[in-house]
Amino acid sequence: MPHHHRLPRLAVATLLACLATAAHTQTLVVLNKQENTLVAIDAASMKIIGRVPTGNGPHEAAVSADGKLVVVANYGAQQPGNSLSLIDISTMKESKRVDLGALLRPHGMQQVGGKFYITSETSRNVLRYDPAADRVDWLMGTGASVSHMLVVAPDGKKVYTANIGSNNVTALNIGGPSNAGAIAQIAVGPQPEAIDISPDGKELWVGQNGDGRVSIIDTSTNTVKETIKAGELPIRVKFTLDGKRVLVSDPKSNEVIVFDAGTRREVKRIKLDGVPLGILLHPAGKLAYISRAQAGEVTAIDLEKLEVGASVKTGDGPDGLAWSTLAPPRTPG
């Protein structure tokens, strides 16, 4: 009766393999903004390992340095949202819902030093949420309309917002008083949304929805030193970790466009249908994950070969992406 022996042995081997990978698993976090869920994906197998309800219209998320806490901006749908969902990756449960009161439409987000910098688009503010104290401990107005995405400088001294309604970028000094010298407005082209800063902090790349161009800002002078054509709708821009390339997602042409950061030349266009939006880099720097809102999938791109890799179906309207170094609990089976 050899078959009876083989099955359990196979099951044990599978279990051991599962335990081995679980020890090294890292988690890709995806927000499905149409179905109001956060999905955790095992980055090694590209399989879903958990799903948690969020508030309404979750658009962007960031993760604590220890990988345990995901903060989700509940942007809302027709009705503006004003809350954050705090999700514990180890239990895959929402541990807290933070009411932001008059700070409506929380959106762009980045974690720095254990605190979360978040745009409040409708109230024209950048707020800083401290999860340890459970409070907003710093707030500064942008003086601009539709402050949508943000990026914090590598030295942690400034935060920059792209302001869709004001055709500019606001540079704010972090932590200090809100005097006139703490704020600078940098004029760019029409409807700026995408924004990222080079790893050395010297350049901001800002995608303009209105004309399909990217403005390149010199952070030492707060001026645009160059603009380049970047597809039709450069909705997100992201530097690679080594600073050598910049990825641009274009949901209109259904492409991810790769630029050489130094020469500004287009290196490659990677076809990716289904409305590519969010871009997230794997911490090892060799992969990028792209959310494809209409396809309901997240797809990995090999940054060395510049080729499309594995995809995973995540749900309805994936957009915001984040990375956790923590392995979530394994779901049975």
Protein backbone atom coordinates (compact mmCIF):
# COMPACT_ATOMS: atom_id res chain seq x y z
CA MET A 1 0.00 0.00 0.00
CA PRO A 2 2.65 2.58 -0.98
CA HIS A 3 0.12 5.30 -1.79
CA HIS A 4 -0.92 5.66 1.84
CA HIS A 5 2.64 6.40 2.88
CA ARG A 6 3.33 8.82 0.05
CA LEU A 7 0.52 11.26 0.74
CA PRO A 8 1.37 12.13 4.34
CA ARG A 9 5.05 12.40 3.46
CA LEU A 10 4.16 14.83 0.68
CA ALA A 11 1.96 16.80 3.06
CA VAL A 12 4.80 17.04 5.58
CA ALA A 13 7.23 18.16 2.86
CA THR A 14 4.75 20.83 1.74
CA LEU A 15 4.26 21.99 5.32
CA LEU A 16 8.02 22.25 5.87
CA ALA A 17 8.39 24.21 2.65
CA CYS A 18 5.60 26.51 3.81
CA LEU A 19 7.29 27.06 7.17
CA ALA A 20 10.64 27.72 5.50
CA THR A 21 9.19 30.33 3.17
CA ALA A 22 7.09 31.86 5.97
CA ALA A 23 10.28 32.70 7.83
CA HIS A 24 11.49 34.76 4.87
CA THR A 25 8.18 36.00 3.59
CA GLN A 26 7.73 39.67 3.13
CA THR A 27 4.42 41.27 2.47
CA LEU A 28 3.15 43.42 -0.33
CA VAL A 29 0.23 45.56 0.82
CA VAL A 30 -2.38 46.60 -1.75
CA LEU A 31 -5.40 48.87 -1.35
CA ASN A 32 -8.47 48.09 -3.45
CA LYS A 33 -10.15 51.47 -3.52
CA GLN A 34 -13.42 50.35 -5.13
CA GLU A 35 -14.11 47.54 -2.66
CA ASN A 36 -12.64 49.22 0.45
CA THR A 37 -10.16 46.51 1.36
CA LEU A 38 -6.49 46.04 2.15
CA VAL A 39 -4.97 42.87 0.74
CA ALA A 40 -1.73 41.28 1.96
CA ILE A 41 0.27 39.37 -0.63
CA ASP A 42 3.13 36.95 -0.06
CA ALA A 43 5.77 38.60 -2.26
CA ALA A 44 7.61 35.31 -2.87
CA SER A 45 4.61 33.39 -4.22
CA MET A 46 2.49 36.40 -5.32
CA LYS A 47 -0.50 34.87 -3.53
CA ILE A 48 -3.06 36.61 -1.32
CA ILE A 49 -2.67 35.73 2.35
CA GLY A 50 -5.17 38.09 3.92
CA ARG A 51 -7.88 40.67 3.29
CA VAL A 52 -9.08 43.36 5.72
CA PRO A 53 -11.94 45.87 5.35
CA THR A 54 -10.85 49.53 5.50
CA GLY A 55 -12.73 52.81 5.54
CA ASN A 56 -14.33 54.17 2.38
CA GLY A 57 -12.10 54.79 -0.65
CA PRO A 58 -8.67 53.73 0.64
CA HIS A 59 -6.17 55.37 -1.74
CA GLU A 60 -2.69 55.39 -0.21
CA ALA A 61 -0.90 53.58 2.63
CA ALA A 62 2.41 53.53 4.46
CA VAL A 63 3.98 51.04 6.86
CA SER A 64 5.86 51.50 10.14
CA ALA A 65 9.60 50.78 10.12
CA ASP A 66 9.09 47.49 12.02
CA GLY A 67 6.59 46.36 9.39
CA LYS A 68 3.77 45.79 11.89
CA LEU A 69 1.50 48.77 11.36
CA VAL A 70 -0.12 49.85 8.10
CA VAL A 71 -1.72 53.29 8.06
CA VAL A 72 -4.40 53.64 5.37
CA ALA A 73 -5.76 56.98 4.14
CA ASN A 74 -9.54 56.65 3.74
CA TYR A 75 -9.98 59.27 1.02
CA GLY A 76 -13.69 58.59 0.56
CA ALA A 77 -15.73 58.32 -2.61
CA GLN A 78 -18.42 60.90 -3.51
CA GLN A 79 -18.52 61.79 0.18
CA PRO A 80 -15.09 63.03 1.35
CA GLY A 81 -13.38 60.73 3.84
CA ASN A 82 -11.66 61.97 7.01
CA SER A 83 -10.22 58.89 8.68
CA LEU A 84 -7.19 56.63 8.87
CA SER A 85 -7.41 52.85 9.24
CA LEU A 86 -4.64 51.41 11.41
CA ILE A 87 -4.11 47.79 10.42
CA ASP A 88 -2.00 45.29 12.32
CA ILE A 89 -0.22 43.09 9.78
CA SER A 90 0.50 40.32 12.30
CA THR A 91 -3.21 39.79 13.01
CA MET A 92 -4.62 41.21 9.74
CA LYS A 93 -7.16 43.27 11.69
CA GLU A 94 -8.00 46.95 11.88
CA SER A 95 -6.78 47.93 15.35
CA LYS A 96 -8.04 51.50 15.24
CA ARG A 97 -10.00 53.98 13.13
CA VAL A 98 -8.59 57.48 13.56
CA ASP A 99 -11.04 60.35 13.07
CA LEU A 100 -9.28 63.33 11.47
CA GLY A 101 -12.19 65.71 12.03
CA ALA A 102 -11.99 68.66 9.64
CA LEU A 103 -8.94 67.26 7.83
CA LEU A 104 -10.80 65.90 4.82
CA ARG A 105 -9.64 63.68 1.97
CA PRO A 106 -6.41 62.24 3.42
CA HIS A 107 -4.33 60.96 0.53
CA GLY A 108 -0.57 60.96 -0.14
CA MET A 109 1.45 59.39 2.65
CA GLN A 110 4.99 58.58 3.78
CA GLN A 111 6.37 57.19 7.03
CA VAL A 112 9.48 58.85 8.42
CA GLY A 113 10.92 58.31 11.90
CA GLY A 114 7.88 56.39 13.12
CA LYS A 115 5.45 59.15 12.10
CA PHE A 116 3.19 59.39 9.08
CA TYR A 117 3.11 62.47 6.84
CA ILE A 118 -0.23 62.72 5.03
CA THR A 119 -1.85 65.25 2.71
CA SER A 120 -5.34 66.47 3.53
CA GLU A 121 -6.36 67.45 0.04
CA THR A 122 -9.58 69.36 0.81
CA SER A 123 -8.22 71.27 3.81
CA ARG A 124 -4.98 72.12 1.96
CA ASN A 125 -2.72 70.75 4.69
CA VAL A 126 0.05 68.32 5.41
CA LEU A 127 -0.52 66.58 8.73
CA ARG A 128 1.78 64.35 10.72
CA TYR A 129 0.19 61.48 12.62
CA ASP A 130 2.05 59.90 15.52
CA PRO A 131 0.63 56.39 16.15
CA ALA A 132 2.45 56.00 19.50
CA ALA A 133 0.71 59.09 20.90
CA ASP A 134 -2.37 58.58 18.70
CA ARG A 135 -2.51 62.19 17.64
CA VAL A 136 -1.76 64.63 14.87
CA ASP A 137 1.37 66.29 16.29
CA TRP A 138 2.19 68.69 13.44
CA LEU A 139 0.20 70.42 10.75
CA MET A 140 1.06 72.96 8.08
CA GLY A 141 -1.04 74.53 5.35
CA THR A 142 0.12 74.30 1.75
CA GLY A 143 -1.68 77.45 0.62
CA ALA A 144 -2.52 75.58 -2.56
CA SER A 145 -5.45 73.64 -4.00
CA VAL A 146 -5.83 69.86 -4.26
CA SER A 147 -2.59 68.94 -2.45
CA HIS A 148 -2.73 65.31 -3.50
CA MET A 149 0.62 63.49 -3.34
CA LEU A 150 3.63 64.21 -1.14
CA VAL A 151 7.23 63.19 -0.70
CA VAL A 152 9.57 63.78 2.25
CA ALA A 153 13.19 64.77 1.56
CA PRO A 154 15.74 62.05 2.41
CA ASP A 155 17.16 64.21 5.24
CA GLY A 156 13.67 64.51 6.77
CA LYS A 157 13.76 68.32 6.84
CA LYS A 158 11.23 69.15 4.12
CA VAL A 159 8.02 67.75 2.69
CA TYR A 160 6.87 68.54 -0.83
CA THR A 161 3.30 68.38 -2.13
CA ALA A 162 2.05 68.31 -5.72
CA ASN A 163 -0.98 70.60 -5.97
CA ILE A 164 -3.25 69.61 -8.85
CA GLY A 165 -5.49 72.67 -8.58
CA SER A 166 -2.74 75.29 -8.25
CA ASN A 167 -0.26 74.01 -10.87
CA ASN A 168 2.56 74.13 -8.35
CA VAL A 169 4.61 72.26 -5.77
CA THR A 170 4.76 73.41 -2.15
CA ALA A 171 7.95 72.93 -0.12
CA LEU A 172 7.33 72.95 3.64
CA ASN A 173 9.93 72.99 6.42
CA ILE A 174 9.07 70.12 8.76
CA GLY A 175 8.46 70.69 12.43
CA GLY A 176 9.15 74.39 12.64
CA PRO A 177 6.77 77.35 12.97
CA SER A 178 4.54 78.22 10.04
CA ASN A 179 6.21 81.50 9.21
CA ALA A 180 6.64 82.83 5.68
CA GLY A 181 10.14 81.40 5.36
CA ALA A 182 8.91 77.88 6.11
CA ILE A 183 6.91 77.66 2.89
CA ALA A 184 7.94 77.96 -0.76
CA GLN A 185 5.71 77.67 -3.84
CA ILE A 186 7.31 76.30 -7.01
CA ALA A 187 5.37 76.87 -10.22
CA VAL A 188 5.17 73.88 -12.56
CA GLY A 189 2.94 72.88 -15.50
CA PRO A 190 -0.76 71.96 -15.57
CA GLN A 191 -2.29 69.54 -13.01
CA PRO A 192 0.78 68.18 -11.22
CA GLU A 193 0.05 64.96 -9.33
CA ALA A 194 2.98 62.53 -9.43
CA ILE A 195 5.98 63.47 -7.30
CA ASP A 196 9.20 61.80 -6.17
CA ILE A 197 12.61 62.92 -4.95
CA SER A 198 15.97 61.51 -5.96
CA PRO A 199 17.75 59.41 -3.30
CA ASP A 200 20.39 62.17 -2.95
CA GLY A 201 17.63 64.74 -2.38
CA LYS A 202 18.80 67.01 -5.19
CA GLU A 203 15.95 66.62 -7.69
CA LEU A 204 12.18 66.46 -7.56
CA TRP A 205 10.42 64.90 -10.55
CA VAL A 206 6.81 66.04 -10.89
CA GLY A 207 4.37 64.50 -13.38
CA GLN A 208 1.84 66.81 -15.02
CA ASN A 209 -1.54 65.31 -15.97
CA GLY A 210 -2.43 68.35 -18.05
CA ASP A 211 0.33 68.14 -20.66
CA GLY A 212 2.05 64.75 -20.27
CA ARG A 213 5.31 66.31 -19.12
CA VAL A 214 7.56 65.93 -16.08
CA SER A 215 9.05 69.01 -14.41
CA ILE A 216 12.47 68.45 -12.87
CA ILE A 217 13.02 70.75 -9.88
CA ASP A 218 16.40 71.64 -8.42
CA THR A 219 15.77 71.44 -4.65
CA SER A 220 18.69 73.75 -3.84
CA THR A 221 17.03 76.65 -5.70
CA ASN A 222 13.36 75.52 -5.77
CA THR A 223 13.22 76.12 -9.51
CA VAL A 224 12.32 73.98 -12.51
CA LYS A 225 15.54 73.32 -14.42
CA GLU A 226 14.07 71.09 -17.12
CA THR A 227 10.83 69.61 -18.42
CA ILE A 228 10.60 66.41 -20.43
CA LYS A 229 7.80 64.65 -22.27
CA ALA A 230 6.75 61.53 -20.39
CA GLY A 231 3.92 59.73 -22.17
CA GLU A 232 0.36 61.02 -22.17
CA LEU A 233 -0.57 60.98 -18.47
CA PRO A 234 2.42 60.56 -16.12
CA ILE A 235 0.27 59.85 -13.06
CA ARG A 236 3.07 58.42 -10.87
CA VAL A 237 6.85 58.83 -10.93
CA LYS A 238 9.30 56.76 -8.90
CA PHE A 239 13.09 56.77 -8.66
CA THR A 240 14.82 53.39 -8.49
CA LEU A 241 16.68 52.88 -5.21
CA ASP A 242 20.07 53.55 -6.83
CA GLY A 243 18.74 56.82 -8.28
CA LYS A 244 19.77 55.86 -11.81
CA ARG A 245 16.34 55.46 -13.34
CA VAL A 246 12.86 56.87 -13.00
CA LEU A 247 9.68 54.85 -13.63
CA VAL A 248 6.57 56.62 -14.90
CA SER A 249 3.15 54.93 -14.97
CA ASP A 250 0.85 56.11 -17.75
CA PRO A 251 -2.75 54.84 -17.48
CA LYS A 252 -3.69 56.56 -20.73
CA SER A 253 -1.17 54.79 -22.95
CA ASN A 254 -1.17 51.71 -20.67
CA GLU A 255 2.59 51.74 -20.25
CA VAL A 256 5.32 52.02 -17.67
CA ILE A 257 7.98 54.31 -19.13
CA VAL A 258 11.56 53.98 -17.89
CA PHE A 259 13.86 57.02 -17.96
CA ASP A 260 17.58 57.40 -17.37
CA ALA A 261 17.61 59.86 -14.45
CA GLY A 262 20.91 61.46 -15.46
CA THR A 263 20.44 61.92 -19.21
CA ARG A 264 16.59 62.19 -19.02
CA ARG A 265 16.41 59.83 -22.00
CA GLU A 266 13.66 57.28 -22.38
CA VAL A 267 15.15 53.81 -21.86
CA LYS A 268 12.11 51.63 -22.51
CA ARG A 269 8.33 51.54 -22.66
CA ILE A 270 6.83 48.50 -20.97
CA LYS A 271 3.32 47.69 -22.17
CA LEU A 272 1.01 47.10 -19.22
CA ASP A 273 -2.70 47.26 -19.93
CA GLY A 274 -5.51 47.69 -17.42
CA VAL A 275 -4.69 51.23 -16.22
CA PRO A 276 -1.29 51.15 -14.48
CA LEU A 277 -1.25 53.51 -11.48
CA GLY A 278 0.70 52.87 -8.27
CA ILE A 279 4.42 52.09 -8.29
CA LEU A 280 6.26 50.44 -5.39
CA LEU A 281 9.89 49.34 -5.27
CA HIS A 282 10.96 46.11 -3.61
CA PRO A 283 13.49 47.05 -0.86
CA ALA A 284 16.16 44.96 -2.61
CA GLY A 285 15.74 47.27 -5.60
CA LYS A 286 15.43 44.63 -8.30
CA LEU A 287 11.65 44.59 -8.69
CA ALA A 288 8.91 47.18 -9.02
CA TYR A 289 5.24 46.46 -8.37
CA ILE A 290 2.59 48.22 -10.44
CA SER A 291 -1.09 48.36 -9.53
CA ARG A 292 -3.40 48.07 -12.54
CA ALA A 293 -6.72 49.51 -11.40
CA GLN A 294 -8.95 48.37 -14.24
CA ALA A 295 -7.38 44.92 -14.52
CA GLY A 296 -7.76 44.40 -10.76
CA GLU A 297 -4.18 43.15 -10.60
CA VAL A 298 -0.74 44.00 -9.29
CA THR A 299 2.18 43.11 -11.56
CA ALA A 300 5.87 42.78 -10.82
CA ILE A 301 8.43 44.27 -13.21
CA ASP A 302 12.00 42.98 -13.33
CA LEU A 303 14.12 46.15 -13.18
CA GLU A 304 17.24 44.46 -14.51
CA LYS A 305 15.66 42.94 -17.61
CA LEU A 306 12.90 45.59 -17.81
CA GLU A 307 10.36 42.85 -18.39
CA VAL A 308 6.93 42.06 -16.98
CA GLY A 309 6.93 39.34 -14.33
CA ALA A 310 4.23 37.69 -12.22
CA SER A 311 0.79 39.19 -11.55
CA VAL A 312 -1.77 38.64 -8.82
CA LYS A 313 -5.49 39.45 -8.85
CA THR A 314 -6.12 41.61 -5.81
CA GLY A 315 -9.70 42.86 -6.08
CA ASP A 316 -11.61 45.84 -7.39
CA GLY A 317 -9.57 48.94 -8.20
CA PRO A 318 -6.09 48.35 -6.76
CA ASP A 319 -4.16 51.61 -6.40
CA GLY A 320 -2.05 52.37 -3.29
CA LEU A 321 0.85 50.00 -2.56
CA ALA A 322 3.12 49.60 0.46
CA TRP A 323 5.75 47.18 1.72
CA SER A 324 6.04 45.35 5.02
CA THR A 325 9.09 43.41 6.14
CA LEU A 326 6.77 41.37 8.33
CA ALA A 327 5.22 38.07 7.39
CA PRO A 328 1.47 38.12 8.10
CA PRO A 329 -0.17 35.07 9.70
CA ARG A 330 -0.56 32.16 7.30
CA THR A 331 -4.14 31.50 6.41
CA PRO A 332 -5.02 27.76 6.70
CA GLY A 333 -4.62 25.86 3.42
